[in-house]
Amino acid sequence: MLLLSGAMCGLAGAFNAHYIGFLEPDYAFAAGWVTLPVVAAILGGYRGVAGPVLGALAVYLLDQLLFKALLPSGHQLVLGALLVATILRSPAGLLPPLAGWWRRRRRPAGDGHA
């Protein structure tokens, strides 16, 4: 699994370098590139595959569409505050509470459960 993960990351990095047309260490190892995957995994829930995928979608959409538009120079502070709130409120990430909410919502009203 580690080999597959490393191969996929290397392939994505190669495509990204080809797409942008240059590669330098300051760009490749910038704090945003290094911390955003960790934030996405913690935010979504790191105990499965669906959690990091959900976290990546949430982080990307919130960061690119909302936070950067409202706070161009301080948008990462909002992501940090969101990360701290998630760790304090739901240490397992956002996926387990969302799954529980979805199960409660889908349960029929007269099934006998209190």
PDB file of N, CA and C in Angstrom:
ATOM      1  N   MET A   1       0.827  -1.177   0.000  1.00  0.00           N
ATOM      2  CA  MET A   1       0.000   0.000   0.000  1.00  0.00           C
ATOM      3  C   MET A   1       0.879   1.252   0.000  1.00  0.00           C
ATOM      4  N   LEU A   2       1.958   1.219   0.742  1.00  0.00           N
ATOM      5  CA  LEU A   2       2.858   2.365   0.774  1.00  0.00           C
ATOM      6  C   LEU A   2       3.495   2.579  -0.596  1.00  0.00           C
ATOM      7  N   LEU A   3       3.832   1.485  -1.274  1.00  0.00           N
ATOM      8  CA  LEU A   3       4.407   1.591  -2.608  1.00  0.00           C
ATOM      9  C   LEU A   3       3.412   2.217  -3.581  1.00  0.00           C
ATOM     10  N   LEU A   4       2.172   1.795  -3.527  1.00  0.00           N
ATOM     11  CA  LEU A   4       1.145   2.350  -4.400  1.00  0.00           C
ATOM     12  C   LEU A   4       0.916   3.835  -4.112  1.00  0.00           C
ATOM     13  N   SER A   5       0.888   4.190  -2.850  1.00  0.00           N
ATOM     14  CA  SER A   5       0.712   5.589  -2.458  1.00  0.00           C
ATOM     15  C   SER A   5       1.869   6.451  -2.957  1.00  0.00           C
ATOM     16  N   GLY A   6       3.087   5.974  -2.769  1.00  0.00           N
ATOM     17  CA  GLY A   6       4.249   6.719  -3.250  1.00  0.00           C
ATOM     18  C   GLY A   6       4.280   6.852  -4.762  1.00  0.00           C
ATOM     19  N   ALA A   7       3.878   5.794  -5.460  1.00  0.00           N
ATOM     20  CA  ALA A   7       3.846   5.840  -6.924  1.00  0.00           C
ATOM     21  C   ALA A   7       2.808   6.837  -7.418  1.00  0.00           C
ATOM     22  N   MET A   8       1.651   6.866  -6.786  1.00  0.00           N
ATOM     23  CA  MET A   8       0.611   7.806  -7.190  1.00  0.00           C
ATOM     24  C   MET A   8       1.034   9.241  -6.913  1.00  0.00           C
ATOM     25  N   CYS A   9       1.672   9.489  -5.794  1.00  0.00           N
ATOM     26  CA  CYS A   9       2.160  10.837  -5.482  1.00  0.00           C
ATOM     27  C   CYS A   9       3.239  11.266  -6.468  1.00  0.00           C
ATOM     28  N   GLY A  10       4.142  10.362  -6.796  1.00  0.00           N
ATOM     29  CA  GLY A  10       5.181  10.684  -7.772  1.00  0.00           C
ATOM     30  C   GLY A  10       4.616  10.972  -9.143  1.00  0.00           C
ATOM     31  N   LEU A  11       3.617  10.208  -9.552  1.00  0.00           N
ATOM     32  CA  LEU A  11       2.979  10.430 -10.843  1.00  0.00           C
ATOM     33  C   LEU A  11       2.244  11.775 -10.867  1.00  0.00           C
ATOM     34  N   ALA A  12       1.545  12.083  -9.786  1.00  0.00           N
ATOM     35  CA  ALA A  12       0.852  13.374  -9.710  1.00  0.00           C
ATOM     36  C   ALA A  12       1.852  14.526  -9.727  1.00  0.00           C
ATOM     37  N   GLY A  13       2.968  14.380  -9.022  1.00  0.00           N
ATOM     38  CA  GLY A  13       3.997  15.420  -9.037  1.00  0.00           C
ATOM     39  C   GLY A  13       4.623  15.595 -10.411  1.00  0.00           C
ATOM     40  N   ALA A  14       4.825  14.496 -11.123  1.00  0.00           N
ATOM     41  CA  ALA A  14       5.384  14.591 -12.474  1.00  0.00           C
ATOM     42  C   ALA A  14       4.421  15.305 -13.406  1.00  0.00           C
ATOM     43  N   PHE A  15       3.133  14.987 -13.314  1.00  0.00           N
ATOM     44  CA  PHE A  15       2.148  15.680 -14.142  1.00  0.00           C
ATOM     45  C   PHE A  15       2.056  17.159 -13.785  1.00  0.00           C
ATOM     46  N   ASN A  16       2.118  17.467 -12.497  1.00  0.00           N
ATOM     47  CA  ASN A  16       2.064  18.865 -12.067  1.00  0.00           C
ATOM     48  C   ASN A  16       3.278  19.638 -12.579  1.00  0.00           C
ATOM     49  N   ALA A  17       4.468  19.061 -12.495  1.00  0.00           N
ATOM     50  CA  ALA A  17       5.671  19.736 -12.987  1.00  0.00           C
ATOM     51  C   ALA A  17       5.590  19.959 -14.490  1.00  0.00           C
ATOM     52  N   HIS A  18       5.068  18.995 -15.211  1.00  0.00           N
ATOM     53  CA  HIS A  18       4.909  19.158 -16.652  1.00  0.00           C
ATOM     54  C   HIS A  18       3.863  20.225 -16.971  1.00  0.00           C
ATOM     55  N   TYR A  19       2.785  20.278 -16.189  1.00  0.00           N
ATOM     56  CA  TYR A  19       1.704  21.230 -16.429  1.00  0.00           C
ATOM     57  C   TYR A  19       2.159  22.662 -16.192  1.00  0.00           C
ATOM     58  N   ILE A  20       2.877  22.909 -15.079  1.00  0.00           N
ATOM     59  CA  ILE A  20       3.290  24.282 -14.777  1.00  0.00           C
ATOM     60  C   ILE A  20       4.542  24.689 -15.526  1.00  0.00           C
ATOM     61  N   GLY A  21       5.294  23.735 -16.039  1.00  0.00           N
ATOM     62  CA  GLY A  21       6.434  24.045 -16.892  1.00  0.00           C
ATOM     63  C   GLY A  21       7.743  24.308 -16.178  1.00  0.00           C
ATOM     64  N   PHE A  22       7.769  24.276 -14.868  1.00  0.00           N
ATOM     65  CA  PHE A  22       9.018  24.450 -14.130  1.00  0.00           C
ATOM     66  C   PHE A  22       8.895  23.749 -12.785  1.00  0.00           C
ATOM     67  N   LEU A  23      10.030  23.558 -12.164  1.00  0.00           N
ATOM     68  CA  LEU A  23      10.039  22.930 -10.852  1.00  0.00           C
ATOM     69  C   LEU A  23      11.232  23.454 -10.082  1.00  0.00           C
ATOM     70  N   GLU A  24      10.980  23.952  -8.915  1.00  0.00           N
ATOM     71  CA  GLU A  24      12.052  24.394  -8.030  1.00  0.00           C
ATOM     72  C   GLU A  24      11.705  23.981  -6.613  1.00  0.00           C
ATOM     73  N   PRO A  25      12.690  23.749  -5.779  1.00  0.00           N
ATOM     74  CA  PRO A  25      12.426  23.238  -4.430  1.00  0.00           C
ATOM     75  C   PRO A  25      11.542  24.155  -3.581  1.00  0.00           C
ATOM     76  N   ASP A  26      11.694  25.466  -3.727  1.00  0.00           N
ATOM     77  CA  ASP A  26      10.871  26.373  -2.921  1.00  0.00           C
ATOM     78  C   ASP A  26       9.391  26.244  -3.260  1.00  0.00           C
ATOM     79  N   TYR A  27       9.087  25.936  -4.514  1.00  0.00           N
ATOM     80  CA  TYR A  27       7.694  25.743  -4.920  1.00  0.00           C
ATOM     81  C   TYR A  27       7.198  24.347  -4.535  1.00  0.00           C
ATOM     82  N   ALA A  28       8.009  23.350  -4.795  1.00  0.00           N
ATOM     83  CA  ALA A  28       7.591  21.969  -4.563  1.00  0.00           C
ATOM     84  C   ALA A  28       7.403  21.656  -3.079  1.00  0.00           C
ATOM     85  N   PHE A  29       8.203  22.274  -2.225  1.00  0.00           N
ATOM     86  CA  PHE A  29       8.127  21.985  -0.794  1.00  0.00           C
ATOM     87  C   PHE A  29       7.566  23.155  -0.003  1.00  0.00           C
ATOM     88  N   ALA A  30       6.733  23.970  -0.626  1.00  0.00           N
ATOM     89  CA  ALA A  30       6.085  25.081   0.063  1.00  0.00           C
ATOM     90  C   ALA A  30       5.138  24.538   1.129  1.00  0.00           C
ATOM     91  N   ALA A  31       4.894  25.328   2.144  1.00  0.00           N
ATOM     92  CA  ALA A  31       4.078  24.885   3.281  1.00  0.00           C
ATOM     93  C   ALA A  31       2.667  24.500   2.864  1.00  0.00           C
ATOM     94  N   GLY A  32       2.089  25.183   1.899  1.00  0.00           N
ATOM     95  CA  GLY A  32       0.734  24.859   1.457  1.00  0.00           C
ATOM     96  C   GLY A  32       0.631  23.489   0.840  1.00  0.00           C
ATOM     97  N   TRP A  33       1.605  23.117   0.048  1.00  0.00           N
ATOM     98  CA  TRP A  33       1.589  21.795  -0.583  1.00  0.00           C
ATOM     99  C   TRP A  33       1.801  20.682   0.434  1.00  0.00           C
ATOM    100  N   VAL A  34       2.554  20.966   1.473  1.00  0.00           N
ATOM    101  CA  VAL A  34       2.878  19.937   2.458  1.00  0.00           C
ATOM    102  C   VAL A  34       1.762  19.779   3.486  1.00  0.00           C
ATOM    103  N   THR A  35       1.148  20.875   3.901  1.00  0.00           N
ATOM    104  CA  THR A  35       0.172  20.804   4.983  1.00  0.00           C
ATOM    105  C   THR A  35      -1.254  20.522   4.525  1.00  0.00           C
ATOM    106  N   LEU A  36      -1.629  20.925   3.319  1.00  0.00           N
ATOM    107  CA  LEU A  36      -3.011  20.729   2.885  1.00  0.00           C
ATOM    108  C   LEU A  36      -3.439  19.260   2.842  1.00  0.00           C
ATOM    109  N   PRO A  37      -2.618  18.321   2.377  1.00  0.00           N
ATOM    110  CA  PRO A  37      -3.061  16.920   2.442  1.00  0.00           C
ATOM    111  C   PRO A  37      -3.261  16.412   3.875  1.00  0.00           C
ATOM    112  N   VAL A  38      -2.437  16.861   4.789  1.00  0.00           N
ATOM    113  CA  VAL A  38      -2.588  16.458   6.191  1.00  0.00           C
ATOM    114  C   VAL A  38      -3.875  17.044   6.761  1.00  0.00           C
ATOM    115  N   VAL A  39      -4.125  18.316   6.469  1.00  0.00           N
ATOM    116  CA  VAL A  39      -5.357  18.963   6.927  1.00  0.00           C
ATOM    117  C   VAL A  39      -6.574  18.250   6.345  1.00  0.00           C
ATOM    118  N   ALA A  40      -6.515  17.897   5.063  1.00  0.00           N
ATOM    119  CA  ALA A  40      -7.636  17.209   4.430  1.00  0.00           C
ATOM    120  C   ALA A  40      -7.892  15.849   5.070  1.00  0.00           C
ATOM    121  N   ALA A  41      -6.836  15.104   5.365  1.00  0.00           N
ATOM    122  CA  ALA A  41      -6.998  13.784   5.972  1.00  0.00           C
ATOM    123  C   ALA A  41      -7.558  13.880   7.383  1.00  0.00           C
ATOM    124  N   ILE A  42      -7.085  14.829   8.161  1.00  0.00           N
ATOM    125  CA  ILE A  42      -7.584  14.988   9.531  1.00  0.00           C
ATOM    126  C   ILE A  42      -9.006  15.512   9.521  1.00  0.00           C
ATOM    127  N   LEU A  43      -9.296  16.446   8.634  1.00  0.00           N
ATOM    128  CA  LEU A  43     -10.631  17.032   8.575  1.00  0.00           C
ATOM    129  C   LEU A  43     -11.675  15.999   8.173  1.00  0.00           C
ATOM    130  N   GLY A  44     -11.385  15.198   7.172  1.00  0.00           N
ATOM    131  CA  GLY A  44     -12.353  14.202   6.723  1.00  0.00           C
ATOM    132  C   GLY A  44     -12.427  12.984   7.617  1.00  0.00           C
ATOM    133  N   GLY A  45     -11.313  12.568   8.141  1.00  0.00           N
ATOM    134  CA  GLY A  45     -11.246  11.354   8.945  1.00  0.00           C
ATOM    135  C   GLY A  45     -10.237  10.422   8.313  1.00  0.00           C
ATOM    136  N   TYR A  46      -9.237  10.059   9.040  1.00  0.00           N
ATOM    137  CA  TYR A  46      -8.088   9.365   8.469  1.00  0.00           C
ATOM    138  C   TYR A  46      -8.166   7.845   8.617  1.00  0.00           C
ATOM    139  N   ARG A  47      -9.278   7.290   9.026  1.00  0.00           N
ATOM    140  CA  ARG A  47      -9.351   5.846   9.264  1.00  0.00           C
ATOM    141  C   ARG A  47      -9.909   5.060   8.087  1.00  0.00           C
ATOM    142  N   GLY A  48     -10.086   5.679   6.967  1.00  0.00           N
ATOM    143  CA  GLY A  48     -10.601   4.986   5.790  1.00  0.00           C
ATOM    144  C   GLY A  48     -10.242   5.771   4.540  1.00  0.00           C
ATOM    145  N   VAL A  49     -10.792   5.359   3.430  1.00  0.00           N
ATOM    146  CA  VAL A  49     -10.514   6.037   2.165  1.00  0.00           C
ATOM    147  C   VAL A  49     -11.474   7.194   1.950  1.00  0.00           C
ATOM    148  N   ALA A  50     -12.728   7.030   2.346  1.00  0.00           N
ATOM    149  CA  ALA A  50     -13.733   8.057   2.092  1.00  0.00           C
ATOM    150  C   ALA A  50     -13.467   9.334   2.885  1.00  0.00           C
ATOM    151  N   GLY A  51     -12.922   9.228   4.078  1.00  0.00           N
ATOM    152  CA  GLY A  51     -12.672  10.407   4.907  1.00  0.00           C
ATOM    153  C   GLY A  51     -11.690  11.392   4.276  1.00  0.00           C
ATOM    154  N   PRO A  52     -10.494  10.951   3.885  1.00  0.00           N
ATOM    155  CA  PRO A  52      -9.584  11.882   3.232  1.00  0.00           C
ATOM    156  C   PRO A  52     -10.114  12.434   1.906  1.00  0.00           C
ATOM    157  N   VAL A  53     -10.893  11.638   1.184  1.00  0.00           N
ATOM    158  CA  VAL A  53     -11.485  12.141  -0.065  1.00  0.00           C
ATOM    159  C   VAL A  53     -12.479  13.252   0.254  1.00  0.00           C
ATOM    160  N   LEU A  54     -13.348  13.025   1.246  1.00  0.00           N
ATOM    161  CA  LEU A  54     -14.290  14.056   1.676  1.00  0.00           C
ATOM    162  C   LEU A  54     -13.542  15.286   2.190  1.00  0.00           C
ATOM    163  N   GLY A  55     -12.505  15.055   2.987  1.00  0.00           N
ATOM    164  CA  GLY A  55     -11.711  16.174   3.506  1.00  0.00           C
ATOM    165  C   GLY A  55     -11.032  16.954   2.402  1.00  0.00           C
ATOM    166  N   ALA A  56     -10.493  16.269   1.404  1.00  0.00           N
ATOM    167  CA  ALA A  56      -9.837  16.959   0.287  1.00  0.00           C
ATOM    168  C   ALA A  56     -10.833  17.803  -0.492  1.00  0.00           C
ATOM    169  N   LEU A  57     -12.012  17.259  -0.742  1.00  0.00           N
ATOM    170  CA  LEU A  57     -13.035  18.050  -1.436  1.00  0.00           C
ATOM    171  C   LEU A  57     -13.440  19.271  -0.621  1.00  0.00           C
ATOM    172  N   ALA A  58     -13.661  19.068   0.674  1.00  0.00           N
ATOM    173  CA  ALA A  58     -14.067  20.179   1.530  1.00  0.00           C
ATOM    174  C   ALA A  58     -12.972  21.238   1.619  1.00  0.00           C
ATOM    175  N   VAL A  59     -11.737  20.815   1.850  1.00  0.00           N
ATOM    176  CA  VAL A  59     -10.639  21.770   1.979  1.00  0.00           C
ATOM    177  C   VAL A  59     -10.431  22.526   0.674  1.00  0.00           C
ATOM    178  N   TYR A  60     -10.413  21.811  -0.435  1.00  0.00           N
ATOM    179  CA  TYR A  60     -10.175  22.469  -1.713  1.00  0.00           C
ATOM    180  C   TYR A  60     -11.292  23.452  -2.048  1.00  0.00           C
ATOM    181  N   LEU A  61     -12.538  23.000  -1.929  1.00  0.00           N
ATOM    182  CA  LEU A  61     -13.647  23.882  -2.274  1.00  0.00           C
ATOM    183  C   LEU A  61     -13.739  25.081  -1.344  1.00  0.00           C
ATOM    184  N   LEU A  62     -13.612  24.845  -0.048  1.00  0.00           N
ATOM    185  CA  LEU A  62     -13.666  25.964   0.894  1.00  0.00           C
ATOM    186  C   LEU A  62     -12.508  26.927   0.693  1.00  0.00           C
ATOM    187  N   ASP A  63     -11.310  26.382   0.518  1.00  0.00           N
ATOM    188  CA  ASP A  63     -10.134  27.237   0.394  1.00  0.00           C
ATOM    189  C   ASP A  63     -10.142  28.012  -0.917  1.00  0.00           C
ATOM    190  N   GLN A  64     -10.374  27.341  -2.023  1.00  0.00           N
ATOM    191  CA  GLN A  64     -10.282  27.991  -3.332  1.00  0.00           C
ATOM    192  C   GLN A  64     -11.474  28.903  -3.628  1.00  0.00           C
ATOM    193  N   LEU A  65     -12.665  28.479  -3.255  1.00  0.00           N
ATOM    194  CA  LEU A  65     -13.847  29.237  -3.642  1.00  0.00           C
ATOM    195  C   LEU A  65     -14.305  30.256  -2.613  1.00  0.00           C
ATOM    196  N   LEU A  66     -14.040  30.010  -1.343  1.00  0.00           N
ATOM    197  CA  LEU A  66     -14.574  30.897  -0.319  1.00  0.00           C
ATOM    198  C   LEU A  66     -13.495  31.674   0.426  1.00  0.00           C
ATOM    199  N   PHE A  67     -12.567  30.949   1.052  1.00  0.00           N
ATOM    200  CA  PHE A  67     -11.609  31.614   1.926  1.00  0.00           C
ATOM    201  C   PHE A  67     -10.645  32.533   1.176  1.00  0.00           C
ATOM    202  N   LYS A  68     -10.166  32.105   0.015  1.00  0.00           N
ATOM    203  CA  LYS A  68      -9.250  32.952  -0.750  1.00  0.00           C
ATOM    204  C   LYS A  68      -9.953  34.190  -1.290  1.00  0.00           C
ATOM    205  N   ALA A  69     -11.231  34.088  -1.576  1.00  0.00           N
ATOM    206  CA  ALA A  69     -11.980  35.247  -2.053  1.00  0.00           C
ATOM    207  C   ALA A  69     -12.219  36.251  -0.928  1.00  0.00           C
ATOM    208  N   LEU A  70     -12.493  35.753   0.274  1.00  0.00           N
ATOM    209  CA  LEU A  70     -12.764  36.641   1.398  1.00  0.00           C
ATOM    210  C   LEU A  70     -11.499  37.161   2.057  1.00  0.00           C
ATOM    211  N   LEU A  71     -10.502  36.304   2.216  1.00  0.00           N
ATOM    212  CA  LEU A  71      -9.240  36.677   2.877  1.00  0.00           C
ATOM    213  C   LEU A  71      -8.059  36.240   2.011  1.00  0.00           C
ATOM    214  N   PRO A  72      -7.674  37.030   1.025  1.00  0.00           N
ATOM    215  CA  PRO A  72      -6.592  36.600   0.130  1.00  0.00           C
ATOM    216  C   PRO A  72      -5.270  36.329   0.832  1.00  0.00           C
ATOM    217  N   SER A  73      -4.956  37.102   1.877  1.00  0.00           N
ATOM    218  CA  SER A  73      -3.657  36.902   2.525  1.00  0.00           C
ATOM    219  C   SER A  73      -3.740  36.099   3.813  1.00  0.00           C
ATOM    220  N   GLY A  74      -4.934  35.838   4.337  1.00  0.00           N
ATOM    221  CA  GLY A  74      -5.052  35.120   5.600  1.00  0.00           C
ATOM    222  C   GLY A  74      -5.948  33.905   5.537  1.00  0.00           C
ATOM    223  N   HIS A  75      -6.132  33.366   4.346  1.00  0.00           N
ATOM    224  CA  HIS A  75      -7.059  32.249   4.205  1.00  0.00           C
ATOM    225  C   HIS A  75      -6.582  30.996   4.915  1.00  0.00           C
ATOM    226  N   GLN A  76      -5.283  30.823   5.089  1.00  0.00           N
ATOM    227  CA  GLN A  76      -4.798  29.630   5.782  1.00  0.00           C
ATOM    228  C   GLN A  76      -5.060  29.695   7.280  1.00  0.00           C
ATOM    229  N   LEU A  77      -5.230  30.892   7.824  1.00  0.00           N
ATOM    230  CA  LEU A  77      -5.611  31.013   9.229  1.00  0.00           C
ATOM    231  C   LEU A  77      -7.003  30.432   9.458  1.00  0.00           C
ATOM    232  N   VAL A  78      -7.901  30.643   8.506  1.00  0.00           N
ATOM    233  CA  VAL A  78      -9.247  30.087   8.621  1.00  0.00           C
ATOM    234  C   VAL A  78      -9.193  28.570   8.559  1.00  0.00           C
ATOM    235  N   LEU A  79      -8.360  28.025   7.661  1.00  0.00           N
ATOM    236  CA  LEU A  79      -8.200  26.570   7.602  1.00  0.00           C
ATOM    237  C   LEU A  79      -7.621  26.029   8.904  1.00  0.00           C
ATOM    238  N   GLY A  80      -6.683  26.750   9.496  1.00  0.00           N
ATOM    239  CA  GLY A  80      -6.117  26.337  10.780  1.00  0.00           C
ATOM    240  C   GLY A  80      -7.151  26.334  11.880  1.00  0.00           C
ATOM    241  N   ALA A  81      -7.983  27.360  11.918  1.00  0.00           N
ATOM    242  CA  ALA A  81      -9.052  27.418  12.920  1.00  0.00           C
ATOM    243  C   ALA A  81     -10.062  26.293  12.701  1.00  0.00           C
ATOM    244  N   LEU A  82     -10.379  26.001  11.454  1.00  0.00           N
ATOM    245  CA  LEU A  82     -11.278  24.893  11.139  1.00  0.00           C
ATOM    246  C   LEU A  82     -10.680  23.559  11.558  1.00  0.00           C
ATOM    247  N   LEU A  83      -9.389  23.407  11.365  1.00  0.00           N
ATOM    248  CA  LEU A  83      -8.705  22.182  11.768  1.00  0.00           C
ATOM    249  C   LEU A  83      -8.727  22.017  13.290  1.00  0.00           C
ATOM    250  N   VAL A  84      -8.442  23.085  14.013  1.00  0.00           N
ATOM    251  CA  VAL A  84      -8.462  23.024  15.482  1.00  0.00           C
ATOM    252  C   VAL A  84      -9.870  22.709  15.978  1.00  0.00           C
ATOM    253  N   ALA A  85     -10.885  23.347  15.390  1.00  0.00           N
ATOM    254  CA  ALA A  85     -12.266  23.081  15.798  1.00  0.00           C
ATOM    255  C   ALA A  85     -12.653  21.629  15.522  1.00  0.00           C
ATOM    256  N   THR A  86     -12.211  21.089  14.394  1.00  0.00           N
ATOM    257  CA  THR A  86     -12.520  19.698  14.071  1.00  0.00           C
ATOM    258  C   THR A  86     -11.843  18.747  15.054  1.00  0.00           C
ATOM    259  N   ILE A  87     -10.591  19.010  15.381  1.00  0.00           N
ATOM    260  CA  ILE A  87      -9.868  18.144  16.323  1.00  0.00           C
ATOM    261  C   ILE A  87     -10.512  18.187  17.704  1.00  0.00           C
ATOM    262  N   LEU A  88     -10.941  19.360  18.136  1.00  0.00           N
ATOM    263  CA  LEU A  88     -11.562  19.468  19.460  1.00  0.00           C
ATOM    264  C   LEU A  88     -12.970  18.892  19.486  1.00  0.00           C
ATOM    265  N   ARG A  89     -13.737  19.122  18.436  1.00  0.00           N
ATOM    266  CA  ARG A  89     -15.140  18.700  18.408  1.00  0.00           C
ATOM    267  C   ARG A  89     -15.324  17.249  17.973  1.00  0.00           C
ATOM    268  N   SER A  90     -14.581  16.830  16.956  1.00  0.00           N
ATOM    269  CA  SER A  90     -14.726  15.483  16.410  1.00  0.00           C
ATOM    270  C   SER A  90     -13.353  14.945  16.031  1.00  0.00           C
ATOM    271  N   PRO A  91     -12.617  14.371  16.985  1.00  0.00           N
ATOM    272  CA  PRO A  91     -11.247  13.917  16.707  1.00  0.00           C
ATOM    273  C   PRO A  91     -11.141  12.869  15.608  1.00  0.00           C
ATOM    274  N   ALA A  92     -12.218  12.153  15.312  1.00  0.00           N
ATOM    275  CA  ALA A  92     -12.185  11.143  14.253  1.00  0.00           C
ATOM    276  C   ALA A  92     -12.428  11.748  12.879  1.00  0.00           C
ATOM    277  N   GLY A  93     -12.659  13.059  12.798  1.00  0.00           N
ATOM    278  CA  GLY A  93     -12.906  13.719  11.527  1.00  0.00           C
ATOM    279  C   GLY A  93     -14.380  13.989  11.323  1.00  0.00           C
ATOM    280  N   LEU A  94     -14.714  14.522  10.164  1.00  0.00           N
ATOM    281  CA  LEU A  94     -16.106  14.875   9.879  1.00  0.00           C
ATOM    282  C   LEU A  94     -16.932  13.726   9.326  1.00  0.00           C
ATOM    283  N   LEU A  95     -16.297  12.706   8.795  1.00  0.00           N
ATOM    284  CA  LEU A  95     -17.053  11.619   8.175  1.00  0.00           C
ATOM    285  C   LEU A  95     -17.902  10.825   9.174  1.00  0.00           C
ATOM    286  N   PRO A  96     -17.408  10.405  10.337  1.00  0.00           N
ATOM    287  CA  PRO A  96     -18.269   9.639  11.264  1.00  0.00           C
ATOM    288  C   PRO A  96     -19.521  10.398  11.717  1.00  0.00           C
ATOM    289  N   PRO A  97     -19.435  11.693  12.098  1.00  0.00           N
ATOM    290  CA  PRO A  97     -20.680  12.391  12.453  1.00  0.00           C
ATOM    291  C   PRO A  97     -21.630  12.545  11.261  1.00  0.00           C
ATOM    292  N   LEU A  98     -21.083  12.783  10.064  1.00  0.00           N
ATOM    293  CA  LEU A  98     -21.934  12.894   8.883  1.00  0.00           C
ATOM    294  C   LEU A  98     -22.603  11.566   8.546  1.00  0.00           C
ATOM    295  N   ALA A  99     -21.886  10.464   8.698  1.00  0.00           N
ATOM    296  CA  ALA A  99     -22.468   9.145   8.443  1.00  0.00           C
ATOM    297  C   ALA A  99     -23.576   8.842   9.454  1.00  0.00           C
ATOM    298  N   GLY A 100     -23.367   9.188  10.715  1.00  0.00           N
ATOM    299  CA  GLY A 100     -24.410   8.989  11.732  1.00  0.00           C
ATOM    300  C   GLY A 100     -25.640   9.833  11.449  1.00  0.00           C
ATOM    301  N   TRP A 101     -25.431  11.067  11.045  1.00  0.00           N
ATOM    302  CA  TRP A 101     -26.541  11.940  10.696  1.00  0.00           C
ATOM    303  C   TRP A 101     -27.313  11.374   9.505  1.00  0.00           C
ATOM    304  N   TRP A 102     -26.577  10.863   8.515  1.00  0.00           N
ATOM    305  CA  TRP A 102     -27.218  10.304   7.326  1.00  0.00           C
ATOM    306  C   TRP A 102     -28.038   9.059   7.678  1.00  0.00           C
ATOM    307  N   ARG A 103     -27.499   8.191   8.558  1.00  0.00           N
ATOM    308  CA  ARG A 103     -28.238   6.995   8.968  1.00  0.00           C
ATOM    309  C   ARG A 103     -29.522   7.369   9.724  1.00  0.00           C
ATOM    310  N   ARG A 104     -29.432   8.358  10.612  1.00  0.00           N
ATOM    311  CA  ARG A 104     -30.623   8.798  11.347  1.00  0.00           C
ATOM    312  C   ARG A 104     -31.656   9.407  10.409  1.00  0.00           C
ATOM    313  N   ARG A 105     -31.205  10.092   9.416  1.00  0.00           N
ATOM    314  CA  ARG A 105     -32.103  10.739   8.457  1.00  0.00           C
ATOM    315  C   ARG A 105     -32.796   9.705   7.568  1.00  0.00           C
ATOM    316  N   ARG A 106     -32.099   8.644   7.219  1.00  0.00           N
ATOM    317  CA  ARG A 106     -32.635   7.621   6.313  1.00  0.00           C
ATOM    318  C   ARG A 106     -33.522   6.603   7.026  1.00  0.00           C
ATOM    319  N   ARG A 107     -33.460   6.558   8.364  1.00  0.00           N
ATOM    320  CA  ARG A 107     -34.261   5.580   9.117  1.00  0.00           C
ATOM    321  C   ARG A 107     -35.737   5.945   9.010  1.00  0.00           C
ATOM    322  N   PRO A 108     -36.591   4.968   8.703  1.00  0.00           N
ATOM    323  CA  PRO A 108     -38.049   5.250   8.648  1.00  0.00           C
ATOM    324  C   PRO A 108     -38.562   5.676  10.000  1.00  0.00           C
ATOM    325  N   ALA A 109     -39.602   6.487  10.013  1.00  0.00           N
ATOM    326  CA  ALA A 109     -40.137   7.062  11.255  1.00  0.00           C
ATOM    327  C   ALA A 109     -40.764   6.003  12.161  1.00  0.00           C
ATOM    328  N   GLY A 110     -41.366   4.970  11.635  1.00  0.00           N
ATOM    329  CA  GLY A 110     -42.064   3.988  12.467  1.00  0.00           C
ATOM    330  C   GLY A 110     -41.343   2.677  12.593  1.00  0.00           C
ATOM    331  N   ASP A 111     -40.006   2.660  12.727  1.00  0.00           N
ATOM    332  CA  ASP A 111     -39.279   1.395  12.795  1.00  0.00           C
ATOM    333  C   ASP A 111     -39.096   0.875  14.222  1.00  0.00           C
ATOM    334  N   GLY A 112     -39.615   1.583  15.229  1.00  0.00           N
ATOM    335  CA  GLY A 112     -39.557   1.094  16.591  1.00  0.00           C
ATOM    336  C   GLY A 112     -38.337   1.525  17.379  1.00  0.00           C
ATOM    337  N   HIS A 113     -37.379   2.196  16.796  1.00  0.00           N
ATOM    338  CA  HIS A 113     -36.208   2.664  17.530  1.00  0.00           C
ATOM    339  C   HIS A 113     -36.518   4.004  18.185  1.00  0.00           C
ATOM    340  N   ALA A 114     -36.004   4.171  19.410  1.00  0.00           N
ATOM    341  CA  ALA A 114     -36.225   5.428  20.121  1.00  0.00           C
ATOM    342  C   ALA A 114     -35.136   6.407  19.835  1.00  0.00           C
TER     343      ALA A 114
END
